[in-house]
Structure formats: C-alpha cells, structure tokens
Amino acid sequence: MGSECITFEGSSFPTPIASPSSSKTLALVGNGIYDTEIHYLQIKFYAIWAYTEPDVALHLTKWKGKTEDEALAEDSGFFESFCQAPVEKLFKLVIIKEIKGSQFVTPVQSSVRDRLAYADKYEDEEEEALDNLVEFFQKKAWLSQGSIIFLHWHSQKHLEVSVSMEGEAAVPKTFEYTVENENVVRGILEWIIGPCSLSPSLLKSVAEHTLKLL
C-alpha cells in the first residue's frame, strides 16, 4: 500500500491509504483548493485531499449512470448523500499560505454555527463543542506552509483532529483532539464537502471520481 502516489499543488500522497483506526482501506476520491480573492489577487490557502471507503458507492446508487454535471447540479442531493453515507472519511488539508490556527478555525466555527442555527440545532452543547475546537486551534499559533490538518470521521458521531506542523504526511494512529457532538461533527463535514463546500473544485473532483466507483 502507498506505492501509487499522485501530486497536487506541490504535495504528493498515496492512494489508497490504510485507515488509521481499522483494517479498512480508504480510496482517494478527490482533491481541491480553498482560495479567495484579496485585493484583486486570488490567494490559495490550502489544498484538500478527500479519502473514503470505496463502499461509499453502495450509498450513492441513485446516481449510477448520471453525469458529473447532474451530480453537481443545485439541489441534486448528491453531496448530502455523500455526507450521510455511514462510511469512514478522512480529509488532509495541506497549508499553502501560512495562517494562524485561529484564522483557520474561525470560518469553520462561523459556518457550522450558522448552519446549525438555521436548522434550529444550535444549543449550549453545540456552542461548547465549537468553542473547544476553536481553543484547540488557537494553541497552534502559526500553521506554516506544508503543515497538514487531518480530519478523520471514523463514524457519523466522532471527528478526530490532528495537526502536523512539520508536514509529516503519514496519517496519525493517535489523534490530538476528538469532537463528539454529532451536530457539530456533521456540520464540519458539510463545511468541507456539503453542497455549499468551501471548495467548489473539491466538489467537482469528488463528483468525478466517486461516480466512477458506481
């Protein structure tokens, strides 16, 4: 395992990879960029690599024979089903432009809070879970170029988080932090790969690769 690698935005990672918590194998199903325009310049902040169990295909059979454009269409439901599929998922976020840990996590907190509040699911427990996640990232003063954030959903109810400040590409066997609030866990997944993902290029790539598994 790990003999096949691809390079994207200056980083090379294997596909497939071994799950950090089981004997399963996770397939690379896409990659993309989070970028934004600042003073008329398009700034790339981090690259995103998406891995999941190939069994995700069993939960997406509705889209068998569909095109990429159909999966990406507004209100298609494709990415809602991807998020809901009860399979292991792992994302690697590779820092391209140095940012503070607080700069990374603040948009996460804002997006998840707004999504949950809109769905009337934002209570004290969700606020505490997000505040604790913010505190974890605030301790990472700077995320330098090449640092990697690992986000691992080994179930629908648990999100494991680790940060490699040295750019160590290997998936950790033991993670630094765990989010156990189910609403927040789901909200963070939707922030990355939901229909309104922070990275349209990631959605396009995941749609393309996942449809090939069907």
Protein backbone atom coordinates (compact mmCIF):
# COMPACT_ATOMS: atom_id res chain seq x y z
CA MET A 1 0.00 0.00 0.00
CA GLY A 2 1.16 3.52 -0.70
CA SER A 3 3.10 2.54 -3.86
CA GLU A 4 0.76 4.65 -6.00
CA CYS A 5 1.04 8.39 -5.40
CA ILE A 6 -0.29 11.48 -7.06
CA THR A 7 0.98 15.04 -6.77
CA PHE A 8 -1.32 18.03 -6.36
CA GLU A 9 -0.33 21.61 -5.54
CA GLY A 10 3.19 20.55 -4.63
CA SER A 11 2.21 17.74 -2.26
CA SER A 12 2.34 14.01 -3.02
CA PHE A 13 0.12 11.50 -1.25
CA PRO A 14 -0.62 7.80 -1.76
CA THR A 15 -3.85 6.31 -2.98
CA PRO A 16 -5.20 4.21 -1.45
CA ILE A 17 -4.23 4.59 2.22
CA ALA A 18 -4.73 2.46 5.31
CA SER A 19 -7.39 3.58 7.75
CA PRO A 20 -5.91 4.95 10.98
CA SER A 21 -8.50 3.11 13.10
CA SER A 22 -9.35 -0.14 11.32
CA SER A 23 -8.13 -2.69 8.81
CA LYS A 24 -10.05 -0.94 6.03
CA THR A 25 -8.58 0.76 3.01
CA LEU A 26 -9.55 4.31 2.12
CA ALA A 27 -9.58 5.45 -1.52
CA LEU A 28 -8.64 8.91 -2.73
CA VAL A 29 -11.85 10.31 -4.21
CA GLY A 30 -10.81 13.86 -4.98
CA ASN A 31 -8.78 16.94 -4.23
CA GLY A 32 -9.32 20.67 -4.44
CA ILE A 33 -8.25 24.10 -3.31
CA TYR A 34 -9.57 26.62 -0.85
CA ASP A 35 -8.76 30.06 -2.20
CA THR A 36 -10.20 33.54 -2.06
CA GLU A 37 -9.70 36.90 -3.74
CA ILE A 38 -7.81 39.52 -1.73
CA HIS A 39 -7.12 42.92 -3.29
CA TYR A 40 -7.78 41.51 -6.77
CA LEU A 41 -5.38 38.62 -6.24
CA GLN A 42 -6.54 35.01 -5.99
CA ILE A 43 -4.79 33.61 -2.91
CA LYS A 44 -4.53 29.85 -2.34
CA PHE A 45 -4.70 28.98 1.36
CA TYR A 46 -4.75 25.19 1.42
CA ALA A 47 -5.15 22.09 -0.71
CA ILE A 48 -7.69 19.47 0.33
CA TRP A 49 -7.40 15.70 -0.21
CA ALA A 50 -10.51 13.55 0.28
CA TYR A 51 -10.42 9.85 1.17
CA THR A 52 -13.28 7.48 1.93
CA GLU A 53 -14.18 3.80 1.92
CA PRO A 54 -14.97 2.56 -1.59
CA ASP A 55 -18.21 1.25 -0.06
CA VAL A 56 -19.48 4.82 -0.26
CA ALA A 57 -20.66 3.74 -3.72
CA LEU A 58 -23.27 1.47 -2.13
CA HIS A 59 -24.98 4.56 -0.72
CA LEU A 60 -24.91 6.53 -3.98
CA THR A 61 -26.50 4.05 -6.39
CA LYS A 62 -29.21 6.58 -7.20
CA TRP A 63 -26.60 8.42 -9.28
CA LYS A 64 -25.37 5.37 -11.22
CA GLY A 65 -25.22 6.40 -14.86
CA LYS A 66 -25.57 10.10 -14.04
CA THR A 67 -23.14 12.71 -15.31
CA GLU A 68 -20.83 14.91 -13.27
CA ASP A 69 -22.94 17.94 -14.13
CA GLU A 70 -26.06 16.17 -12.82
CA ALA A 71 -24.32 15.36 -9.53
CA LEU A 72 -23.11 18.95 -9.19
CA ALA A 73 -26.49 20.48 -10.01
CA GLU A 74 -28.08 22.59 -7.29
CA ASP A 75 -30.41 20.53 -5.11
CA SER A 76 -29.28 17.25 -6.71
CA GLY A 77 -28.79 15.75 -3.24
CA PHE A 78 -25.55 14.05 -4.27
CA PHE A 79 -23.34 15.61 -1.63
CA GLU A 80 -25.98 15.34 1.09
CA SER A 81 -25.96 11.59 0.40
CA PHE A 82 -22.17 11.53 0.36
CA CYS A 83 -22.09 13.17 3.80
CA GLN A 84 -24.80 10.88 5.18
CA ALA A 85 -23.17 7.67 3.93
CA PRO A 86 -22.17 5.70 7.07
CA VAL A 87 -18.60 5.09 5.93
CA GLU A 88 -15.24 6.27 7.16
CA LYS A 89 -13.94 9.53 5.67
CA LEU A 90 -10.62 11.32 6.01
CA PHE A 91 -9.50 14.71 4.73
CA LYS A 92 -6.00 16.15 4.56
CA LEU A 93 -5.73 19.92 4.40
CA VAL A 94 -2.25 20.99 3.31
CA ILE A 95 -1.37 24.59 4.12
CA ILE A 96 -0.17 26.59 1.11
CA LYS A 97 -0.15 30.09 2.62
CA GLU A 98 0.90 30.43 6.27
CA ILE A 99 -2.02 31.28 8.54
CA LYS A 100 -2.71 31.34 12.26
CA GLY A 101 -4.61 28.46 13.78
CA SER A 102 -7.28 30.93 14.80
CA GLN A 103 -7.58 32.16 11.19
CA PHE A 104 -8.23 28.62 10.04
CA VAL A 105 -10.83 27.71 12.65
CA THR A 106 -12.84 30.95 12.79
CA PRO A 107 -14.55 30.36 9.40
CA VAL A 108 -15.27 26.77 10.48
CA GLN A 109 -16.92 27.99 13.67
CA SER A 110 -18.94 30.66 11.87
CA SER A 111 -20.14 28.37 9.09
CA VAL A 112 -21.12 25.48 11.36
CA ARG A 113 -22.83 27.78 13.85
CA ASP A 114 -24.88 29.44 11.10
CA ARG A 115 -25.87 26.10 9.54
CA LEU A 116 -26.96 24.65 12.87
CA ALA A 117 -28.78 27.81 13.95
CA TYR A 118 -30.70 27.83 10.66
CA ALA A 119 -31.72 24.19 11.28
CA ASP A 120 -32.62 25.03 14.91
CA LYS A 121 -29.94 22.63 16.18
CA TYR A 122 -27.61 25.10 17.89
CA GLU A 123 -27.82 24.68 21.66
CA ASP A 124 -25.39 25.03 24.56
CA GLU A 125 -23.81 21.66 23.77
CA GLU A 126 -23.03 22.68 20.19
CA GLU A 127 -21.66 26.04 21.29
CA GLU A 128 -19.36 24.35 23.80
CA ALA A 129 -18.14 21.81 21.23
CA LEU A 130 -17.27 24.59 18.77
CA ASP A 131 -15.63 26.73 21.45
CA ASN A 132 -13.43 23.78 22.45
CA LEU A 133 -12.43 23.20 18.83
CA VAL A 134 -11.52 26.88 18.49
CA GLU A 135 -9.40 26.63 21.64
CA PHE A 136 -7.56 23.62 20.20
CA PHE A 137 -6.62 25.50 17.02
CA GLN A 138 -5.79 28.73 18.84
CA LYS A 139 -2.95 26.84 20.51
CA LYS A 140 -1.46 26.28 17.05
CA ALA A 141 0.00 29.77 16.79
CA TRP A 142 1.02 29.50 13.15
CA LEU A 143 0.29 26.88 10.51
CA SER A 144 3.29 27.22 8.23
CA GLN A 145 3.42 26.24 4.58
CA GLY A 146 3.37 22.43 4.31
CA SER A 147 1.63 21.87 7.64
CA ILE A 148 -1.16 19.31 7.42
CA ILE A 149 -4.52 19.24 9.20
CA PHE A 150 -6.01 15.75 9.43
CA LEU A 151 -9.79 15.42 9.86
CA HIS A 152 -10.99 11.85 10.37
CA TRP A 153 -14.64 10.78 10.57
CA HIS A 154 -14.46 7.18 11.76
CA SER A 155 -18.21 7.35 12.44
CA GLN A 156 -21.08 9.76 11.96
CA LYS A 157 -20.72 10.88 15.57
CA HIS A 158 -16.97 11.29 16.04
CA LEU A 159 -14.45 13.55 14.38
CA GLU A 160 -10.75 13.16 15.16
CA VAL A 161 -8.36 16.05 14.53
CA SER A 162 -4.57 16.32 14.38
CA VAL A 163 -2.11 18.86 13.04
CA SER A 164 1.33 18.03 11.65
CA MET A 165 3.37 21.19 11.99
CA GLU A 166 6.36 19.53 10.33
CA GLY A 167 4.43 18.45 7.24
CA GLU A 168 4.56 14.76 8.19
CA ALA A 169 2.28 13.20 5.55
CA ALA A 170 1.60 9.90 7.32
CA VAL A 171 -1.88 9.67 8.84
CA PRO A 172 -1.51 9.60 12.65
CA LYS A 173 -2.56 6.50 14.53
CA THR A 174 -3.44 8.62 17.54
CA PHE A 175 -5.22 11.93 17.05
CA GLU A 176 -4.78 15.01 19.21
CA TYR A 177 -8.41 16.00 19.62
CA THR A 178 -11.89 14.48 19.24
CA VAL A 179 -15.20 16.24 18.58
CA GLU A 180 -18.09 14.16 19.91
CA ASN A 181 -21.09 16.42 19.36
CA GLU A 182 -22.96 14.78 16.47
CA ASN A 183 -24.41 18.03 15.10
CA VAL A 184 -21.01 19.75 15.07
CA VAL A 185 -19.33 16.65 13.61
CA ARG A 186 -21.83 16.63 10.76
CA GLY A 187 -21.62 20.41 10.34
CA ILE A 188 -17.85 20.34 9.84
CA LEU A 189 -18.18 17.57 7.25
CA GLU A 190 -20.77 19.62 5.36
CA TRP A 191 -18.50 22.67 5.58
CA ILE A 192 -15.88 20.73 3.63
CA ILE A 193 -17.89 18.52 1.28
CA GLY A 194 -21.52 19.60 1.55
CA PRO A 195 -23.37 21.25 -1.37
CA CYS A 196 -22.06 24.68 -0.27
CA SER A 197 -18.49 23.49 0.27
CA LEU A 198 -15.71 26.00 0.85
CA SER A 199 -14.07 24.47 -2.25
CA PRO A 200 -16.05 24.15 -5.50
CA SER A 201 -13.00 22.50 -7.08
CA LEU A 202 -13.15 19.78 -4.41
CA LEU A 203 -16.83 19.13 -5.14
CA LYS A 204 -16.10 18.78 -8.86
CA SER A 205 -13.21 16.38 -8.23
CA VAL A 206 -15.15 14.24 -5.75
CA ALA A 207 -18.15 14.03 -8.08
CA GLU A 208 -15.89 12.97 -10.96
CA HIS A 209 -14.03 10.28 -9.01
CA THR A 210 -16.94 8.96 -6.96
CA LEU A 211 -19.21 8.47 -9.99
CA LYS A 212 -16.53 6.19 -11.44
CA LEU A 213 -16.98 3.88 -8.42
CA LEU A 214 -20.67 3.33 -9.18
